[in-house]
Protein backbone atom coordinates (compact mmCIF):
# COMPACT_ATOMS: atom_id res chain seq x y z
CA UNK A 1 -3.14 -11.10 -154.84
CA UNK A 2 -6.58 -10.55 -153.20
CA UNK A 3 -7.74 -13.45 -151.10
CA UNK A 4 -11.41 -14.37 -151.08
CA UNK A 5 -13.08 -14.13 -147.73
CA UNK A 6 -16.58 -14.34 -146.25
CA UNK A 7 -17.99 -11.59 -144.03
CA UNK A 8 -20.23 -12.17 -141.05
CA UNK A 9 -23.22 -11.34 -143.21
CA UNK A 10 -22.34 -14.25 -145.48
CA UNK A 11 -21.58 -12.05 -148.47
CA UNK A 12 -18.64 -12.69 -150.75
CA UNK A 13 -15.78 -10.27 -150.15
CA UNK A 14 -12.09 -10.06 -151.04
CA UNK A 15 -9.21 -9.06 -148.81
CA UNK A 16 -6.01 -7.52 -150.14
CA UNK A 17 -2.76 -8.27 -148.35
CA UNK A 18 0.68 -6.81 -148.99
CA UNK A 19 3.69 -8.31 -147.18
CA UNK A 20 7.25 -7.70 -148.35
CA UNK A 21 10.67 -6.80 -147.01
CA UNK A 22 11.71 -3.49 -148.54
CA UNK A 23 15.09 -1.97 -147.70
CA UNK A 24 15.52 -4.34 -144.74
CA UNK A 25 12.12 -3.42 -143.31
CA UNK A 26 9.04 -5.61 -143.35
CA UNK A 27 5.99 -3.83 -144.76
CA UNK A 28 2.63 -5.45 -144.15
CA UNK A 29 -0.77 -4.01 -145.01
CA UNK A 30 -4.19 -5.57 -145.41
CA UNK A 31 -7.73 -4.34 -146.01
CA UNK A 32 -11.05 -5.46 -147.43
CA UNK A 33 -11.80 -4.83 -151.08
CA UNK A 34 -14.99 -2.72 -151.48
CA UNK A 35 -18.14 -4.81 -151.60
CA UNK A 36 -19.71 -5.71 -154.92
CA UNK A 37 -16.55 -6.04 -157.02
CA UNK A 38 -15.80 -9.11 -159.13
CA UNK A 39 -12.72 -11.32 -158.74
CA UNK A 40 -11.12 -9.71 -161.80
CA UNK A 41 -11.79 -6.18 -160.50
CA UNK A 42 -10.44 -7.16 -157.08
CA UNK A 43 -7.29 -8.51 -158.69
CA UNK A 44 -6.75 -5.28 -160.65
CA UNK A 45 -7.33 -3.18 -157.53
CA UNK A 46 -4.93 -5.39 -155.58
CA UNK A 47 -2.17 -4.86 -158.14
CA UNK A 48 -2.75 -1.10 -158.03
CA UNK A 49 -2.49 -1.08 -154.24
CA UNK A 50 0.65 -3.23 -154.44
CA UNK A 51 2.32 -0.64 -156.67
CA UNK A 52 1.23 2.28 -154.51
CA UNK A 53 2.40 0.62 -151.29
CA UNK A 54 5.76 -0.24 -152.80
CA UNK A 55 6.19 3.32 -154.11
CA UNK A 56 5.41 4.78 -150.69
CA UNK A 57 7.70 2.35 -148.87
CA UNK A 58 10.63 3.25 -151.17
CA UNK A 59 9.97 6.99 -150.93
CA UNK A 60 8.98 7.35 -154.57
CA UNK A 61 5.52 8.51 -153.58
CA UNK A 62 4.06 10.31 -150.60
CA UNK A 63 1.59 8.37 -148.42
CA UNK A 64 -2.06 8.81 -149.37
CA UNK A 65 -4.22 10.35 -146.66
CA UNK A 66 -7.72 8.94 -146.91
CA UNK A 67 -11.02 10.57 -146.06
CA UNK A 68 -11.44 7.86 -143.44
CA UNK A 69 -8.30 9.05 -141.65
CA UNK A 70 -9.49 12.66 -141.81
CA UNK A 71 -12.84 11.69 -140.30
CA UNK A 72 -11.26 9.77 -137.42
CA UNK A 73 -8.97 12.69 -136.58
CA UNK A 74 -11.87 15.16 -136.75
CA UNK A 75 -14.10 12.99 -134.54
CA UNK A 76 -11.35 12.42 -131.96
CA UNK A 77 -10.37 16.09 -131.77
CA UNK A 78 -13.64 17.94 -132.19
CA UNK A 79 -16.72 15.78 -131.68
CA UNK A 80 -17.16 16.63 -128.00
CA UNK A 81 -18.09 20.15 -129.07
CA UNK A 82 -20.66 19.10 -131.69
CA UNK A 83 -24.28 19.75 -130.72
CA UNK A 84 -25.34 17.09 -133.26
CA UNK A 85 -22.56 14.68 -132.23
CA UNK A 86 -24.69 11.53 -132.02
CA UNK A 87 -26.46 12.08 -135.34
CA UNK A 88 -23.30 13.08 -137.18
CA UNK A 89 -21.31 10.08 -135.98
CA UNK A 90 -24.17 7.74 -136.92
CA UNK A 91 -24.20 9.16 -140.45
CA UNK A 92 -20.41 8.95 -140.75
CA UNK A 93 -20.42 5.32 -139.56
CA UNK A 94 -23.22 4.40 -141.94
CA UNK A 95 -21.37 5.60 -145.03
CA UNK A 96 -17.80 4.80 -143.95
CA UNK A 97 -17.38 2.01 -146.57
CA UNK A 98 -17.98 4.63 -149.26
CA UNK A 99 -15.20 7.00 -148.17
CA UNK A 100 -12.85 5.00 -145.92
CA UNK A 101 -10.10 4.40 -148.51
CA UNK A 102 -10.75 7.40 -150.74
CA UNK A 103 -7.82 9.76 -151.33
CA UNK A 104 -8.63 13.05 -149.57
CA UNK A 105 -6.99 14.95 -152.44
CA UNK A 106 -8.99 13.29 -155.22
CA UNK A 107 -12.53 14.46 -154.58
CA UNK A 108 -14.35 15.47 -157.76
CA UNK A 109 -15.29 12.12 -159.32
CA UNK A 110 -15.66 10.47 -155.93
CA UNK A 111 -18.15 13.08 -154.67
CA UNK A 112 -20.25 12.68 -157.83
CA UNK A 113 -20.28 8.88 -157.45
CA UNK A 114 -21.02 9.09 -153.71
CA UNK A 115 -23.99 11.41 -154.27
CA UNK A 116 -25.24 9.03 -156.95
CA UNK A 117 -25.01 6.09 -154.57
CA UNK A 118 -26.95 7.98 -151.88
CA UNK A 119 -29.70 8.74 -154.41
CA UNK A 120 -29.82 5.15 -155.68
CA UNK A 121 -32.71 2.86 -154.74
CA UNK A 122 -30.44 -0.20 -154.34
CA UNK A 123 -27.20 -0.77 -152.45
CA UNK A 124 -23.94 -2.35 -153.64
CA UNK A 125 -25.44 -5.83 -153.22
CA UNK A 126 -28.57 -5.05 -155.23
CA UNK A 127 -30.69 -4.87 -152.11
CA UNK A 128 -33.39 -2.14 -152.10
CA UNK A 129 -32.59 0.87 -149.94
CA UNK A 130 -34.13 4.25 -149.26
CA UNK A 131 -32.93 6.95 -151.69
CA UNK A 132 -31.62 10.00 -149.85
CA UNK A 133 -32.83 13.54 -150.51
CA UNK A 134 -30.59 16.34 -151.75
CA UNK A 135 -30.69 17.84 -148.26
CA UNK A 136 -29.37 14.65 -146.64
CA UNK A 137 -26.67 14.28 -149.30
CA UNK A 138 -25.71 17.94 -148.79
CA UNK A 139 -25.36 17.45 -145.03
CA UNK A 140 -23.40 14.18 -145.30
CA UNK A 141 -20.90 15.57 -147.78
CA UNK A 142 -20.70 18.65 -145.57
CA UNK A 143 -19.59 16.48 -142.63
CA UNK A 144 -16.87 14.91 -144.79
CA UNK A 145 -15.77 18.27 -146.18
CA UNK A 146 -15.40 19.62 -142.64
CA UNK A 147 -13.20 16.64 -141.70
CA UNK A 148 -10.95 17.12 -144.72
CA UNK A 149 -10.65 20.85 -144.07
CA UNK A 150 -9.68 20.15 -140.47
CA UNK A 151 -7.03 17.64 -141.58
CA UNK A 152 -5.56 20.34 -143.83
CA UNK A 153 -5.71 22.91 -141.03
CA UNK A 154 -3.58 20.74 -138.71
CA UNK A 155 -1.14 19.82 -141.48
CA UNK A 156 -2.24 16.23 -142.07
CA UNK A 157 -2.79 16.88 -145.79
CA UNK A 158 -0.83 19.32 -147.93
CA UNK A 159 -3.67 20.89 -149.91
CA UNK A 160 -7.35 21.62 -149.32
CA UNK A 161 -9.11 20.24 -152.39
CA UNK A 162 -12.65 20.39 -150.97
CA UNK A 163 -13.62 23.12 -153.47
CA UNK A 164 -13.64 20.35 -156.09
CA UNK A 165 -16.37 18.42 -154.26
CA UNK A 166 -19.74 18.42 -156.02
CA UNK A 167 -22.27 18.97 -153.24
CA UNK A 168 -25.94 19.25 -154.25
CA UNK A 169 -27.92 22.10 -152.80
CA UNK A 170 -30.96 21.14 -150.69
CA UNK A 171 -33.98 21.07 -152.98
CA UNK A 172 -36.55 19.71 -150.57
CA UNK A 173 -37.15 22.97 -148.69
CA UNK A 174 -40.63 22.88 -147.18
CA UNK A 175 -43.05 25.76 -147.43
CA UNK A 176 -45.84 24.60 -145.15
CA UNK A 177 -47.54 27.35 -143.19
CA UNK A 178 -50.56 26.94 -140.93
CA UNK A 179 -52.63 29.61 -139.23
CA UNK A 180 -53.85 29.90 -135.66
CA UNK A 181 -57.02 27.94 -136.40
CA UNK A 182 -55.16 24.89 -137.70
CA UNK A 183 -52.65 25.06 -134.85
CA UNK A 184 -55.48 25.06 -132.30
CA UNK A 185 -57.14 22.11 -134.05
CA UNK A 186 -54.00 20.04 -133.57
CA UNK A 187 -53.52 21.22 -129.98
CA UNK A 188 -57.12 20.40 -129.04
CA UNK A 189 -56.70 16.93 -130.52
CA UNK A 190 -53.74 16.25 -128.24
CA UNK A 191 -54.31 14.33 -125.01
CA UNK A 192 -50.92 15.17 -123.47
CA UNK A 193 -50.80 18.45 -121.52
CA UNK A 194 -47.12 19.24 -122.14
CA UNK A 195 -47.43 18.51 -125.85
CA UNK A 196 -50.46 20.81 -126.11
CA UNK A 197 -48.44 23.53 -124.43
CA UNK A 198 -45.42 22.94 -126.68
CA UNK A 199 -47.59 23.24 -129.80
CA UNK A 200 -48.85 26.67 -128.72
CA UNK A 201 -45.40 27.86 -127.69
CA UNK A 202 -43.92 26.78 -131.02
CA UNK A 203 -46.54 28.70 -132.97
CA UNK A 204 -46.27 31.86 -130.85
CA UNK A 205 -42.47 31.91 -130.56
CA UNK A 206 -40.94 30.21 -133.60
CA UNK A 207 -38.71 28.14 -131.34
CA UNK A 208 -37.47 24.70 -132.35
CA UNK A 209 -38.70 21.67 -130.39
CA UNK A 210 -35.32 21.20 -128.70
CA UNK A 211 -35.33 24.87 -127.68
CA UNK A 212 -38.83 24.70 -126.22
CA UNK A 213 -37.89 21.76 -124.01
CA UNK A 214 -34.88 23.55 -122.52
CA UNK A 215 -36.05 27.18 -122.55
CA UNK A 216 -36.14 28.92 -119.17
CA UNK A 217 -38.93 31.52 -118.76
CA UNK A 218 -37.74 34.84 -117.36
CA UNK A 219 -38.98 38.41 -117.07
CA UNK A 220 -37.36 39.25 -120.42
CA UNK A 221 -38.64 36.16 -122.24
CA UNK A 222 -37.66 32.56 -122.89
CA UNK A 223 -33.94 32.30 -122.20
CA UNK A 224 -31.86 29.92 -124.30
CA UNK A 225 -28.32 29.36 -123.11
CA UNK A 226 -27.12 28.54 -126.62
CA UNK A 227 -29.15 28.13 -129.79
CA UNK A 228 -28.41 26.20 -132.99
CA UNK A 229 -26.11 28.98 -134.21
CA UNK A 230 -24.05 28.77 -131.01
CA UNK A 231 -25.16 32.09 -129.55
CA UNK A 232 -27.31 32.81 -126.46
CA UNK A 233 -30.73 34.23 -127.25
CA UNK A 234 -33.89 35.56 -125.61
CA UNK A 235 -37.27 34.89 -127.23
CA UNK A 236 -40.09 37.25 -126.16
CA UNK A 237 -43.09 35.56 -124.56
CA UNK A 238 -46.32 36.16 -126.49
CA UNK A 239 -49.27 37.14 -124.26
CA UNK A 240 -51.22 34.10 -125.48
CA UNK A 241 -48.63 31.72 -123.97
CA UNK A 242 -47.76 33.78 -120.87
CA UNK A 243 -49.79 31.41 -118.66
CA UNK A 244 -47.98 28.42 -120.13
CA UNK A 245 -44.63 30.08 -119.42
CA UNK A 246 -45.62 30.52 -115.76
CA UNK A 247 -47.31 27.18 -115.13
CA UNK A 248 -45.86 24.53 -117.44
CA UNK A 249 -42.44 23.02 -116.83
CA UNK A 250 -41.45 20.74 -119.68
CA UNK A 251 -40.24 17.38 -118.40
CA UNK A 252 -41.48 15.28 -121.32
CA UNK A 253 -38.89 13.47 -123.46
CA UNK A 254 -38.55 14.64 -127.06
CA UNK A 255 -39.53 11.24 -128.50
CA UNK A 256 -42.62 11.02 -126.29
CA UNK A 257 -43.66 14.50 -127.41
CA UNK A 258 -43.17 13.54 -131.06
CA UNK A 259 -45.34 10.45 -130.56
CA UNK A 260 -48.10 12.55 -129.01
CA UNK A 261 -47.74 15.10 -131.81
CA UNK A 262 -48.14 12.40 -134.46
CA UNK A 263 -51.37 11.24 -132.86
CA UNK A 264 -52.74 14.77 -132.54
CA UNK A 265 -51.97 15.83 -136.11
CA UNK A 266 -53.67 12.69 -137.42
CA UNK A 267 -56.78 13.38 -135.34
CA UNK A 268 -56.87 16.96 -136.62
CA UNK A 269 -56.62 15.82 -140.25
CA UNK A 270 -53.05 16.99 -140.93
CA UNK A 271 -51.07 13.71 -141.04
CA UNK A 272 -48.17 15.24 -143.04
CA UNK A 273 -47.73 18.30 -140.81
CA UNK A 274 -44.38 18.42 -139.01
CA UNK A 275 -43.77 20.01 -135.64
CA UNK A 276 -41.06 22.15 -137.26
CA UNK A 277 -43.72 23.57 -139.60
CA UNK A 278 -45.03 25.51 -136.59
CA UNK A 279 -41.73 27.42 -136.61
CA UNK A 280 -42.22 28.27 -140.28
CA UNK A 281 -45.81 29.25 -139.54
CA UNK A 282 -44.64 31.67 -136.85
CA UNK A 283 -42.38 33.33 -139.43
CA UNK A 284 -45.26 33.52 -141.90
CA UNK A 285 -47.54 35.14 -139.30
CA UNK A 286 -44.94 37.79 -138.50
CA UNK A 287 -44.24 38.59 -142.16
CA UNK A 288 -47.95 38.80 -143.00
CA UNK A 289 -48.28 41.25 -140.13
CA UNK A 290 -45.71 43.51 -141.79
CA UNK A 291 -42.58 42.54 -139.83
CA UNK A 292 -39.39 42.86 -141.89
CA UNK A 293 -37.20 39.82 -142.68
CA UNK A 294 -34.31 41.11 -140.55
CA UNK A 295 -36.48 41.21 -137.43
CA UNK A 296 -38.04 37.82 -138.23
CA UNK A 297 -34.55 36.34 -138.51
CA UNK A 298 -33.70 37.81 -135.12
CA UNK A 299 -36.75 36.21 -133.49
CA UNK A 300 -35.95 32.84 -135.06
CA UNK A 301 -32.29 33.06 -134.07
CA UNK A 302 -30.86 32.95 -137.60
CA UNK A 303 -27.12 33.59 -137.68
CA UNK A 304 -27.11 34.98 -141.23
CA UNK A 305 -29.76 36.54 -143.52
CA UNK A 306 -29.36 33.54 -145.83
CA UNK A 307 -31.47 31.35 -143.52
CA UNK A 308 -34.27 33.91 -143.50
CA UNK A 309 -34.35 34.18 -147.30
CA UNK A 310 -36.55 31.09 -147.46
CA UNK A 311 -39.41 33.37 -146.38
CA UNK A 312 -38.67 36.10 -148.95
CA UNK A 313 -41.48 34.90 -151.24
CA UNK A 314 -43.99 35.71 -148.49
CA UNK A 315 -42.87 39.31 -148.58
CA UNK A 316 -43.09 39.31 -152.39
CA UNK A 317 -46.71 38.21 -152.21
CA UNK A 318 -47.50 41.44 -150.31
CA UNK A 319 -45.84 43.72 -152.86
CA UNK A 320 -48.99 44.00 -155.03
CA UNK A 321 -50.91 45.33 -152.04
CA UNK A 322 -48.14 47.84 -151.39
CA UNK A 323 -48.10 49.04 -155.01
CA UNK A 324 -51.90 49.36 -155.05
CA UNK A 325 -51.67 51.92 -152.25
CA UNK A 326 -49.62 54.31 -154.38
CA UNK A 327 -51.54 57.53 -154.99
CA UNK A 328 -54.35 56.60 -152.62
CA UNK A 329 -53.77 59.43 -150.16
CA UNK A 330 -56.90 60.93 -148.74
């Protein structure tokens, strides 16, 4: 029978406890009932867990491996190699109540409900929260899918049922492209020397902010030990930023640079412009100059052509000009 308890936050919660001697062995389990359930719902859930625990203890049913267990195994075994380790663990911790006790082999309905909760404007207690975008939901479910797949790979779970997960595709893809004039307006409105330099480098190289701050200038170009796709890469140095490559050593912290960027974009009249939009703008400039998508993807460090497809519409916009040239030989 669930026992009512009070959490540190002062919210009403229920705790389920199972304690019995089965086949001369004491079996004791306890866990919190999910937040927001009524006493009647908690009682029904408690009876269900009683039956499952008894069935497992007597061998009538195999133990349920939860998504929470899969996540802990994945974090312990693999997180040291994650480039986004801090962010990923923060996301996993934030949503752990939503997946902690979920059966890792029963994923369809749960994934639909989880995505719905992330999109909701209120939490389980009726308190307003920020609805998450399809991109954020996609990434979060992707983290959980990776953990479940890993658990299957090492034999923790018998089957990989992740194909049944309903994962929304990112629908908030940005298509913001600025030209050289707008880039210079933002740079000139920036009081910080390193930030001004980073703005120009981003526009003339297509590098990400994190890459700019760790890139090492060399005779061949900006050298990146490893990029987002896990491979080393060299980015050619544009003549317009050659002086910056020789004279500016980036020591500024990423957050400080972002703060200076926010001030500069506001002064220039582009308060919604993101630093990452400079990367997209570099791609746009190359495509408008007639560079093919394959080469653009190489400059940007895309691992697969899929990432570069976001710029395909820019090529399409030039097709009319190409067709108009048919038959115009002199």
